[in-house]
Amino acid sequence: MPNILACTDGSIYASSVYNHTAWAAAKMSASVHVLHMLNPHHEDPVKTDTSGRIGLGVKRALLEEIVELEAARAKLARKRGEAILADATAQLNAADVNEVVADQKHGRLSDSIDSYERDADLVVIGKRGNHADFAAGHIGHNLERVVRSCKHPVLVTSREFTKMESFVLAFDGGNSSKKAVEYAASHPLLKGMKCHILSIGKGNAKLEAALYEAKQTLTDAGYEVSAEIRDGEPDKVIGEAVAQDHIDLLVMGAYGHSHIRHLIVGSTTTAMIRTVKIPVLLFR
């Protein structure tokens, strides 16, 4: 049975993560592994200065109090994590997902995602977490590192879940965009949705041939497909297409031809995740 890894921190995106996961589970006939990482460094540290000129006995008592406070905070964080997982399981069960395993682990998601995603066929994560800067439109730090690390497709959820009936596939002829085409053709996740393949740049024989091949592959797989090449800045053109055509899902490679290997998420990808208000399905 296929398996979906749903990453949650109980943030404002949590319900969206569960709803997108339930949608994917139904399409894929998949089980779900919900993962919550318990990272004490995400909690505000106890701000107490013990370096001043205080007596040894007072300092010892103060240190003991700090230890007790930290223990209480750790217990509270565990309890909060348990509540997050219980809520996730309840929401997924209510959406008719019955094969659910919920785990709470210690550490940073970004440091250990490869240990958990290797057994998954799809990773689902919110665009932002509890500690993202919403005012500045930043994407979560965990998200960038997860995308860099995951070998499987990553579904980055929007703030709210809406029924998805169409997707635009940003195609540049590179390996990751070709992987997206192959996935759409051979996996059930996107089946039944209308597909628009969009390439950015000035038309040339090589790109036109690759675009035609991609369109033919998806047509043969049963999709209703349209395809075009538009000139302009990739993030602007893709954003305009998403808005104008009322697209429900953006599918794209995490890296393009000009990416700096394994160091940063491709600049266009980062811009699209940050600005579009629809979910984004990413491929390495």
C-alpha atoms as a PDB file:
ATOM      1  CA  MET A   1       0.000   0.000   0.000  1.00  0.00           C
ATOM      2  CA  PRO A   2       1.355   3.464  -0.838  1.00  0.00           C
ATOM      3  CA  ASN A   3       2.139   5.658   2.147  1.00  0.00           C
ATOM      4  CA  ILE A   4       1.914   9.423   2.682  1.00  0.00           C
ATOM      5  CA  LEU A   5       4.076  11.250   5.221  1.00  0.00           C
ATOM      6  CA  ALA A   6       2.159  14.217   6.662  1.00  0.00           C
ATOM      7  CA  CYS A   7       4.314  16.654   8.642  1.00  0.00           C
ATOM      8  CA  THR A   8       2.571  18.783  11.250  1.00  0.00           C
ATOM      9  CA  ASP A   9       3.472  21.232  13.990  1.00  0.00           C
ATOM     10  CA  GLY A  10      -0.061  22.183  14.949  1.00  0.00           C
ATOM     11  CA  SER A  11       0.238  25.571  13.241  1.00  0.00           C
ATOM     12  CA  ILE A  12      -2.502  27.433  11.395  1.00  0.00           C
ATOM     13  CA  TYR A  13      -1.672  25.282   8.330  1.00  0.00           C
ATOM     14  CA  ALA A  14      -2.277  21.992  10.182  1.00  0.00           C
ATOM     15  CA  SER A  15      -5.898  21.439   9.117  1.00  0.00           C
ATOM     16  CA  SER A  16      -4.925  22.195   5.524  1.00  0.00           C
ATOM     17  CA  VAL A  17      -2.159  19.594   5.742  1.00  0.00           C
ATOM     18  CA  TYR A  18      -4.666  16.993   6.967  1.00  0.00           C
ATOM     19  CA  ASN A  19      -7.235  17.884   4.279  1.00  0.00           C
ATOM     20  CA  HIS A  20      -4.678  17.759   1.468  1.00  0.00           C
ATOM     21  CA  THR A  21      -3.353  14.490   2.897  1.00  0.00           C
ATOM     22  CA  ALA A  22      -6.859  13.000   2.957  1.00  0.00           C
ATOM     23  CA  TRP A  23      -7.385  14.079  -0.668  1.00  0.00           C
ATOM     24  CA  ALA A  24      -4.105  12.467  -1.721  1.00  0.00           C
ATOM     25  CA  ALA A  25      -4.807   9.318   0.296  1.00  0.00           C
ATOM     26  CA  ALA A  26      -8.131   8.849  -1.475  1.00  0.00           C
ATOM     27  CA  LYS A  27      -6.543   9.337  -4.899  1.00  0.00           C
ATOM     28  CA  MET A  28      -3.618   7.015  -4.127  1.00  0.00           C
ATOM     29  CA  SER A  29      -5.446   4.464  -1.927  1.00  0.00           C
ATOM     30  CA  ALA A  30      -2.695   5.188   0.588  1.00  0.00           C
ATOM     31  CA  SER A  31      -2.085   4.904   4.301  1.00  0.00           C
ATOM     32  CA  VAL A  32      -0.887   7.944   6.262  1.00  0.00           C
ATOM     33  CA  HIS A  33       2.020   8.471   8.656  1.00  0.00           C
ATOM     34  CA  VAL A  34       1.579  11.691  10.655  1.00  0.00           C
ATOM     35  CA  LEU A  35       4.847  13.020  12.057  1.00  0.00           C
ATOM     36  CA  HIS A  36       5.306  15.685  14.716  1.00  0.00           C
ATOM     37  CA  MET A  37       8.861  16.605  15.635  1.00  0.00           C
ATOM     38  CA  LEU A  38       9.399  17.695  19.237  1.00  0.00           C
ATOM     39  CA  ASN A  39      12.123  20.305  19.053  1.00  0.00           C
ATOM     40  CA  PRO A  40      12.844  22.004  22.397  1.00  0.00           C
ATOM     41  CA  HIS A  41      14.860  24.687  20.617  1.00  0.00           C
ATOM     42  CA  HIS A  42      11.630  25.990  19.153  1.00  0.00           C
ATOM     43  CA  GLU A  43      10.433  26.907  22.617  1.00  0.00           C
ATOM     44  CA  ASP A  44      11.452  30.268  24.061  1.00  0.00           C
ATOM     45  CA  PRO A  45      14.416  29.721  26.375  1.00  0.00           C
ATOM     46  CA  VAL A  46      14.259  30.696  30.013  1.00  0.00           C
ATOM     47  CA  LYS A  47      15.988  34.075  30.017  1.00  0.00           C
ATOM     48  CA  THR A  48      17.820  34.064  33.351  1.00  0.00           C
ATOM     49  CA  ASP A  49      21.290  35.499  33.867  1.00  0.00           C
ATOM     50  CA  THR A  50      23.173  33.536  36.500  1.00  0.00           C
ATOM     51  CA  SER A  51      26.523  35.175  35.869  1.00  0.00           C
ATOM     52  CA  GLY A  52      26.078  38.129  38.223  1.00  0.00           C
ATOM     53  CA  ARG A  53      27.719  38.562  41.621  1.00  0.00           C
ATOM     54  CA  ILE A  54      25.411  36.412  43.713  1.00  0.00           C
ATOM     55  CA  GLY A  55      26.289  33.992  46.443  1.00  0.00           C
ATOM     56  CA  LEU A  56      26.995  30.354  45.735  1.00  0.00           C
ATOM     57  CA  GLY A  57      23.970  29.143  47.665  1.00  0.00           C
ATOM     58  CA  VAL A  58      21.599  31.503  45.865  1.00  0.00           C
ATOM     59  CA  LYS A  59      23.086  30.577  42.505  1.00  0.00           C
ATOM     60  CA  ARG A  60      22.655  26.860  43.237  1.00  0.00           C
ATOM     61  CA  ALA A  61      19.005  27.390  44.176  1.00  0.00           C
ATOM     62  CA  LEU A  62      18.468  29.433  41.013  1.00  0.00           C
ATOM     63  CA  LEU A  63      20.000  26.712  38.821  1.00  0.00           C
ATOM     64  CA  GLU A  64      17.777  24.097  40.457  1.00  0.00           C
ATOM     65  CA  GLU A  65      14.744  26.255  39.734  1.00  0.00           C
ATOM     66  CA  ILE A  66      15.793  26.601  36.095  1.00  0.00           C
ATOM     67  CA  VAL A  67      16.114  22.819  35.787  1.00  0.00           C
ATOM     68  CA  GLU A  68      12.617  22.387  37.211  1.00  0.00           C
ATOM     69  CA  LEU A  69      11.225  24.981  34.820  1.00  0.00           C
ATOM     70  CA  GLU A  70      12.864  23.326  31.817  1.00  0.00           C
ATOM     71  CA  ALA A  71      11.489  19.926  32.873  1.00  0.00           C
ATOM     72  CA  ALA A  72       7.998  21.409  33.153  1.00  0.00           C
ATOM     73  CA  ARG A  73       8.340  23.043  29.733  1.00  0.00           C
ATOM     74  CA  ALA A  74       9.503  19.763  28.180  1.00  0.00           C
ATOM     75  CA  LYS A  75       6.503  17.959  29.680  1.00  0.00           C
ATOM     76  CA  LEU A  76       4.162  20.647  28.346  1.00  0.00           C
ATOM     77  CA  ALA A  77       5.719  20.373  24.869  1.00  0.00           C
ATOM     78  CA  ARG A  78       5.168  16.590  24.903  1.00  0.00           C
ATOM     79  CA  LYS A  79       1.553  17.010  25.955  1.00  0.00           C
ATOM     80  CA  ARG A  80       0.991  19.591  23.245  1.00  0.00           C
ATOM     81  CA  GLY A  81       2.506  17.218  20.686  1.00  0.00           C
ATOM     82  CA  GLU A  82       0.221  14.403  21.824  1.00  0.00           C
ATOM     83  CA  ALA A  83      -2.787  16.707  21.426  1.00  0.00           C
ATOM     84  CA  ILE A  84      -1.640  17.707  17.925  1.00  0.00           C
ATOM     85  CA  LEU A  85      -1.359  14.056  16.870  1.00  0.00           C
ATOM     86  CA  ALA A  86      -4.720  13.154  18.386  1.00  0.00           C
ATOM     87  CA  ASP A  87      -6.329  16.019  16.465  1.00  0.00           C
ATOM     88  CA  ALA A  88      -4.576  14.971  13.250  1.00  0.00           C
ATOM     89  CA  THR A  89      -5.793  11.392  13.595  1.00  0.00           C
ATOM     90  CA  ALA A  90      -9.335  12.524  14.348  1.00  0.00           C
ATOM     91  CA  GLN A  91      -9.446  14.853  11.337  1.00  0.00           C
ATOM     92  CA  LEU A  92      -8.053  12.204   9.002  1.00  0.00           C
ATOM     93  CA  ASN A  93     -10.453   9.558  10.300  1.00  0.00           C
ATOM     94  CA  ALA A  94     -13.340  11.986   9.796  1.00  0.00           C
ATOM     95  CA  ALA A  95     -12.176  12.335   6.171  1.00  0.00           C
ATOM     96  CA  ASP A  96     -12.418   8.533   5.738  1.00  0.00           C
ATOM     97  CA  VAL A  97      -8.683   7.860   6.116  1.00  0.00           C
ATOM     98  CA  ASN A  98      -8.555   4.839   8.394  1.00  0.00           C
ATOM     99  CA  GLU A  99      -4.962   3.676   7.967  1.00  0.00           C
ATOM    100  CA  VAL A 100      -3.238   6.293  10.143  1.00  0.00           C
ATOM    101  CA  VAL A 101      -0.076   6.014  12.230  1.00  0.00           C
ATOM    102  CA  ALA A 102       0.869   9.035  14.360  1.00  0.00           C
ATOM    103  CA  ASP A 103       4.380   9.546  15.748  1.00  0.00           C
ATOM    104  CA  GLN A 104       6.080  12.116  17.924  1.00  0.00           C
ATOM    105  CA  LYS A 105       9.847  12.221  17.567  1.00  0.00           C
ATOM    106  CA  HIS A 106      12.589  14.374  19.061  1.00  0.00           C
ATOM    107  CA  GLY A 107      14.711  16.586  16.837  1.00  0.00           C
ATOM    108  CA  ARG A 108      14.383  18.953  13.914  1.00  0.00           C
ATOM    109  CA  LEU A 109      12.277  17.889  10.951  1.00  0.00           C
ATOM    110  CA  SER A 110      14.751  19.474   8.556  1.00  0.00           C
ATOM    111  CA  ASP A 111      17.605  17.419  10.005  1.00  0.00           C
ATOM    112  CA  SER A 112      15.875  14.050   9.956  1.00  0.00           C
ATOM    113  CA  ILE A 113      13.301  14.136   7.151  1.00  0.00           C
ATOM    114  CA  ASP A 114      15.320  11.715   5.022  1.00  0.00           C
ATOM    115  CA  SER A 115      14.941   9.049   7.726  1.00  0.00           C
ATOM    116  CA  TYR A 116      11.163   9.190   7.499  1.00  0.00           C
ATOM    117  CA  GLU A 117      10.422  10.028   3.861  1.00  0.00           C
ATOM    118  CA  ARG A 118      12.327   7.030   2.505  1.00  0.00           C
ATOM    119  CA  ASP A 119       9.294   4.858   3.328  1.00  0.00           C
ATOM    120  CA  ALA A 120       6.816   7.362   1.891  1.00  0.00           C
ATOM    121  CA  ASP A 121       5.509   7.841  -1.635  1.00  0.00           C
ATOM    122  CA  LEU A 122       4.486  11.451  -1.012  1.00  0.00           C
ATOM    123  CA  VAL A 123       5.383  14.081   1.603  1.00  0.00           C
ATOM    124  CA  VAL A 124       2.796  16.685   2.641  1.00  0.00           C
ATOM    125  CA  ILE A 125       3.849  19.819   4.516  1.00  0.00           C
ATOM    126  CA  GLY A 126       2.424  23.275   5.152  1.00  0.00           C
ATOM    127  CA  LYS A 127       3.897  26.299   3.419  1.00  0.00           C
ATOM    128  CA  ARG A 128       4.629  27.880   6.781  1.00  0.00           C
ATOM    129  CA  GLY A 129       4.877  26.680  10.353  1.00  0.00           C
ATOM    130  CA  ASN A 130       4.502  28.186  13.784  1.00  0.00           C
ATOM    131  CA  HIS A 131       7.692  30.220  13.499  1.00  0.00           C
ATOM    132  CA  ALA A 132       7.437  31.600   9.956  1.00  0.00           C
ATOM    133  CA  ASP A 133       7.242  35.348   9.333  1.00  0.00           C
ATOM    134  CA  PHE A 134       3.798  35.775   7.783  1.00  0.00           C
ATOM    135  CA  ALA A 135       4.118  39.548   7.373  1.00  0.00           C
ATOM    136  CA  ALA A 136       7.203  39.182   5.196  1.00  0.00           C
ATOM    137  CA  GLY A 137       5.749  36.301   3.181  1.00  0.00           C
ATOM    138  CA  HIS A 138       8.587  33.989   4.160  1.00  0.00           C
ATOM    139  CA  ILE A 139       8.276  30.276   3.578  1.00  0.00           C
ATOM    140  CA  GLY A 140       9.110  28.039   6.499  1.00  0.00           C
ATOM    141  CA  HIS A 141      12.757  27.182   7.110  1.00  0.00           C
ATOM    142  CA  ASN A 142      11.770  23.527   7.534  1.00  0.00           C
ATOM    143  CA  LEU A 143      10.095  23.569   4.132  1.00  0.00           C
ATOM    144  CA  GLU A 144      13.169  24.689   2.219  1.00  0.00           C
ATOM    145  CA  ARG A 145      15.322  21.993   3.801  1.00  0.00           C
ATOM    146  CA  VAL A 146      12.649  19.323   3.380  1.00  0.00           C
ATOM    147  CA  VAL A 147      12.380  20.055  -0.348  1.00  0.00           C
ATOM    148  CA  ARG A 148      16.163  19.851  -0.688  1.00  0.00           C
ATOM    149  CA  SER A 149      16.291  16.518   1.147  1.00  0.00           C
ATOM    150  CA  CYS A 150      13.270  14.587  -0.145  1.00  0.00           C
ATOM    151  CA  LYS A 151      13.658  12.162  -3.018  1.00  0.00           C
ATOM    152  CA  HIS A 152       9.884  11.757  -3.269  1.00  0.00           C
ATOM    153  CA  PRO A 153       7.339  14.360  -4.411  1.00  0.00           C
ATOM    154  CA  VAL A 154       6.517  17.060  -1.850  1.00  0.00           C
ATOM    155  CA  LEU A 155       3.024  18.576  -1.710  1.00  0.00           C
ATOM    156  CA  VAL A 156       3.223  22.054  -0.177  1.00  0.00           C
ATOM    157  CA  THR A 157      -0.231  22.966   1.048  1.00  0.00           C
ATOM    158  CA  SER A 158      -2.021  26.278   0.717  1.00  0.00           C
ATOM    159  CA  ARG A 159      -3.666  27.975   3.692  1.00  0.00           C
ATOM    160  CA  GLU A 160      -7.041  26.423   2.898  1.00  0.00           C
ATOM    161  CA  PHE A 161      -8.015  23.261   1.067  1.00  0.00           C
ATOM    162  CA  THR A 162     -10.298  23.538  -1.955  1.00  0.00           C
ATOM    163  CA  LYS A 163     -11.361  20.880  -4.428  1.00  0.00           C
ATOM    164  CA  MET A 164      -8.700  20.450  -7.101  1.00  0.00           C
ATOM    165  CA  GLU A 165      -9.815  19.896 -10.689  1.00  0.00           C
ATOM    166  CA  SER A 166      -6.965  21.409 -12.728  1.00  0.00           C
ATOM    167  CA  PHE A 167      -3.223  21.830 -12.566  1.00  0.00           C
ATOM    168  CA  VAL A 168      -0.565  23.730 -14.437  1.00  0.00           C
ATOM    169  CA  LEU A 169       2.731  21.954 -14.978  1.00  0.00           C
ATOM    170  CA  ALA A 170       5.660  24.368 -15.264  1.00  0.00           C
ATOM    171  CA  PHE A 171       7.916  22.689 -17.814  1.00  0.00           C
ATOM    172  CA  ASP A 172      11.465  23.744 -18.721  1.00  0.00           C
ATOM    173  CA  GLY A 173      12.684  20.498 -20.256  1.00  0.00           C
ATOM    174  CA  GLY A 174      14.938  19.795 -17.279  1.00  0.00           C
ATOM    175  CA  ASN A 175      15.150  16.534 -15.357  1.00  0.00           C
ATOM    176  CA  SER A 176      12.865  17.547 -12.510  1.00  0.00           C
ATOM    177  CA  SER A 177      10.106  18.802 -14.819  1.00  0.00           C
ATOM    178  CA  LYS A 178      10.379  15.612 -16.905  1.00  0.00           C
ATOM    179  CA  LYS A 179      10.076  13.652 -13.672  1.00  0.00           C
ATOM    180  CA  ALA A 180       6.844  15.545 -12.934  1.00  0.00           C
ATOM    181  CA  VAL A 181       5.461  14.552 -16.344  1.00  0.00           C
ATOM    182  CA  GLU A 182       6.397  10.898 -15.836  1.00  0.00           C
ATOM    183  CA  TYR A 183       4.835  10.901 -12.371  1.00  0.00           C
ATOM    184  CA  ALA A 184       1.579  12.410 -13.606  1.00  0.00           C
ATOM    185  CA  ALA A 185       1.408   9.844 -16.391  1.00  0.00           C
ATOM    186  CA  SER A 186       2.143   6.799 -14.259  1.00  0.00           C
ATOM    187  CA  HIS A 187       0.620   7.591 -10.824  1.00  0.00           C
ATOM    188  CA  PRO A 188      -3.015   8.131  -9.812  1.00  0.00           C
ATOM    189  CA  LEU A 189      -2.589  11.330  -7.765  1.00  0.00           C
ATOM    190  CA  LEU A 190      -3.382  13.787 -10.581  1.00  0.00           C
ATOM    191  CA  LYS A 191      -5.562  11.550 -12.740  1.00  0.00           C
ATOM    192  CA  GLY A 192      -8.910  13.077 -13.696  1.00  0.00           C
ATOM    193  CA  MET A 193      -7.626  16.657 -13.498  1.00  0.00           C
ATOM    194  CA  LYS A 194      -7.274  19.006 -16.462  1.00  0.00           C
ATOM    195  CA  CYS A 195      -3.648  19.707 -17.324  1.00  0.00           C
ATOM    196  CA  HIS A 196      -2.033  22.804 -18.790  1.00  0.00           C
ATOM    197  CA  ILE A 197       1.682  22.553 -19.569  1.00  0.00           C
ATOM    198  CA  LEU A 198       3.402  25.920 -19.490  1.00  0.00           C
ATOM    199  CA  SER A 199       6.934  26.633 -20.677  1.00  0.00           C
ATOM    200  CA  ILE A 200       8.644  29.973 -20.205  1.00  0.00           C
ATOM    201  CA  GLY A 201      11.027  31.564 -22.696  1.00  0.00           C
ATOM    202  CA  LYS A 202      11.445  32.220 -26.355  1.00  0.00           C
ATOM    203  CA  GLY A 203      10.399  29.330 -28.537  1.00  0.00           C
ATOM    204  CA  ASN A 204      13.174  27.139 -29.914  1.00  0.00           C
ATOM    205  CA  ALA A 205      13.199  23.774 -31.598  1.00  0.00           C
ATOM    206  CA  LYS A 206      14.575  21.887 -28.615  1.00  0.00           C
ATOM    207  CA  LEU A 207      12.042  23.280 -26.129  1.00  0.00           C
ATOM    208  CA  GLU A 208       9.160  22.865 -28.572  1.00  0.00           C
ATOM    209  CA  ALA A 209      10.094  19.230 -29.160  1.00  0.00           C
ATOM    210  CA  ALA A 210      10.334  18.535 -25.427  1.00  0.00           C
ATOM    211  CA  LEU A 211       7.011  20.277 -24.813  1.00  0.00           C
ATOM    212  CA  TYR A 212       5.314  18.274 -27.567  1.00  0.00           C
ATOM    213  CA  GLU A 213       6.672  15.041 -26.107  1.00  0.00           C
ATOM    214  CA  ALA A 214       5.436  15.983 -22.630  1.00  0.00           C
ATOM    215  CA  LYS A 215       1.986  16.817 -23.976  1.00  0.00           C
ATOM    216  CA  GLN A 216       1.825  13.536 -25.895  1.00  0.00           C
ATOM    217  CA  THR A 217       2.872  11.536 -22.842  1.00  0.00           C
ATOM    218  CA  LEU A 218       0.088  13.020 -20.730  1.00  0.00           C
ATOM    219  CA  THR A 219      -2.474  12.775 -23.516  1.00  0.00           C
ATOM    220  CA  ASP A 220      -1.658   9.095 -23.912  1.00  0.00           C
ATOM    221  CA  ALA A 221      -2.127   8.716 -20.143  1.00  0.00           C
ATOM    222  CA  GLY A 222      -5.692   9.985 -20.470  1.00  0.00           C
ATOM    223  CA  TYR A 223      -5.356  13.648 -19.533  1.00  0.00           C
ATOM    224  CA  GLU A 224      -7.123  16.550 -21.192  1.00  0.00           C
ATOM    225  CA  VAL A 225      -4.010  18.586 -22.036  1.00  0.00           C
ATOM    226  CA  SER A 226      -3.203  22.022 -23.389  1.00  0.00           C
ATOM    227  CA  ALA A 227       0.329  23.368 -23.799  1.00  0.00           C
ATOM    228  CA  GLU A 228       1.983  26.676 -24.607  1.00  0.00           C
ATOM    229  CA  ILE A 229       5.196  28.673 -24.436  1.00  0.00           C
ATOM    230  CA  ARG A 230       5.066  32.181 -22.979  1.00  0.00           C
ATOM    231  CA  ASP A 231       7.881  34.704 -22.866  1.00  0.00           C
ATOM    232  CA  GLY A 232       8.726  36.620 -19.696  1.00  0.00           C
ATOM    233  CA  GLU A 233       9.988  36.193 -16.150  1.00  0.00           C
ATOM    234  CA  PRO A 234       9.093  32.652 -14.979  1.00  0.00           C
ATOM    235  CA  ASP A 235       7.625  33.545 -11.581  1.00  0.00           C
ATOM    236  CA  LYS A 236       5.518  36.380 -13.038  1.00  0.00           C
ATOM    237  CA  VAL A 237       4.267  34.380 -16.016  1.00  0.00           C
ATOM    238  CA  ILE A 238       3.402  31.321 -13.920  1.00  0.00           C
ATOM    239  CA  GLY A 239       1.677  33.463 -11.314  1.00  0.00           C
ATOM    240  CA  GLU A 240      -0.412  35.194 -13.979  1.00  0.00           C
ATOM    241  CA  ALA A 241      -1.395  31.847 -15.533  1.00  0.00           C
ATOM    242  CA  VAL A 242      -2.450  30.459 -12.156  1.00  0.00           C
ATOM    243  CA  ALA A 243      -4.621  33.500 -11.446  1.00  0.00           C
ATOM    244  CA  GLN A 244      -6.087  34.021 -14.920  1.00  0.00           C
ATOM    245  CA  ASP A 245      -6.947  30.375 -15.582  1.00  0.00           C
ATOM    246  CA  HIS A 246      -8.180  29.679 -12.033  1.00  0.00           C
ATOM    247  CA  ILE A 247      -5.707  26.831 -11.611  1.00  0.00           C
ATOM    248  CA  ASP A 248      -6.097  24.658  -8.498  1.00  0.00           C
ATOM    249  CA  LEU A 249      -2.603  23.133  -8.257  1.00  0.00           C
ATOM    250  CA  LEU A 250       0.873  24.090  -9.463  1.00  0.00           C
ATOM    251  CA  VAL A 251       3.184  21.206 -10.416  1.00  0.00           C
ATOM    252  CA  MET A 252       6.848  21.948 -10.996  1.00  0.00           C
ATOM    253  CA  GLY A 253      10.410  20.811 -10.516  1.00  0.00           C
ATOM    254  CA  ALA A 254      12.171  22.090  -7.432  1.00  0.00           C
ATOM    255  CA  TYR A 255      15.171  23.016  -9.564  1.00  0.00           C
ATOM    256  CA  GLY A 256      15.609  24.340 -13.074  1.00  0.00           C
ATOM    257  CA  HIS A 257      18.579  24.306 -15.402  1.00  0.00           C
ATOM    258  CA  SER A 258      20.321  27.105 -13.514  1.00  0.00           C
ATOM    259  CA  HIS A 259      20.027  25.815  -9.958  1.00  0.00           C
ATOM    260  CA  ILE A 260      22.961  25.702  -7.582  1.00  0.00           C
ATOM    261  CA  ARG A 261      23.076  22.019  -6.836  1.00  0.00           C
ATOM    262  CA  HIS A 262      21.765  20.971  -3.407  1.00  0.00           C
ATOM    263  CA  LEU A 263      22.400  24.392  -1.842  1.00  0.00           C
ATOM    264  CA  ILE A 264      19.158  26.316  -2.281  1.00  0.00           C
ATOM    265  CA  VAL A 265      15.743  25.651  -3.657  1.00  0.00           C
ATOM    266  CA  GLY A 266      15.578  27.037  -7.193  1.00  0.00           C
ATOM    267  CA  SER A 267      14.785  30.753  -7.175  1.00  0.00           C
ATOM    268  CA  THR A 268      11.642  30.412  -9.293  1.00  0.00           C
ATOM    269  CA  THR A 269      10.396  27.589  -7.076  1.00  0.00           C
ATOM    270  CA  THR A 270      10.926  29.640  -3.925  1.00  0.00           C
ATOM    271  CA  ALA A 271       9.143  32.619  -5.477  1.00  0.00           C
ATOM    272  CA  MET A 272       6.179  30.504  -6.552  1.00  0.00           C
ATOM    273  CA  ILE A 273       5.757  28.835  -3.152  1.00  0.00           C
ATOM    274  CA  ARG A 274       5.908  32.254  -1.522  1.00  0.00           C
ATOM    275  CA  THR A 275       3.433  34.052  -3.785  1.00  0.00           C
ATOM    276  CA  VAL A 276       0.805  31.645  -5.177  1.00  0.00           C
ATOM    277  CA  LYS A 277      -2.199  30.856  -2.992  1.00  0.00           C
ATOM    278  CA  ILE A 278      -2.639  27.329  -4.259  1.00  0.00           C
ATOM    279  CA  PRO A 279      -0.831  24.114  -3.289  1.00  0.00           C
ATOM    280  CA  VAL A 280       2.426  23.286  -5.072  1.00  0.00           C
ATOM    281  CA  LEU A 281       3.571  19.758  -5.943  1.00  0.00           C
ATOM    282  CA  LEU A 282       7.373  19.668  -6.202  1.00  0.00           C
ATOM    283  CA  PHE A 283       9.773  17.198  -7.771  1.00  0.00           C
ATOM    284  CA  ARG A 284      13.539  17.020  -7.380  1.00  0.00           C
END
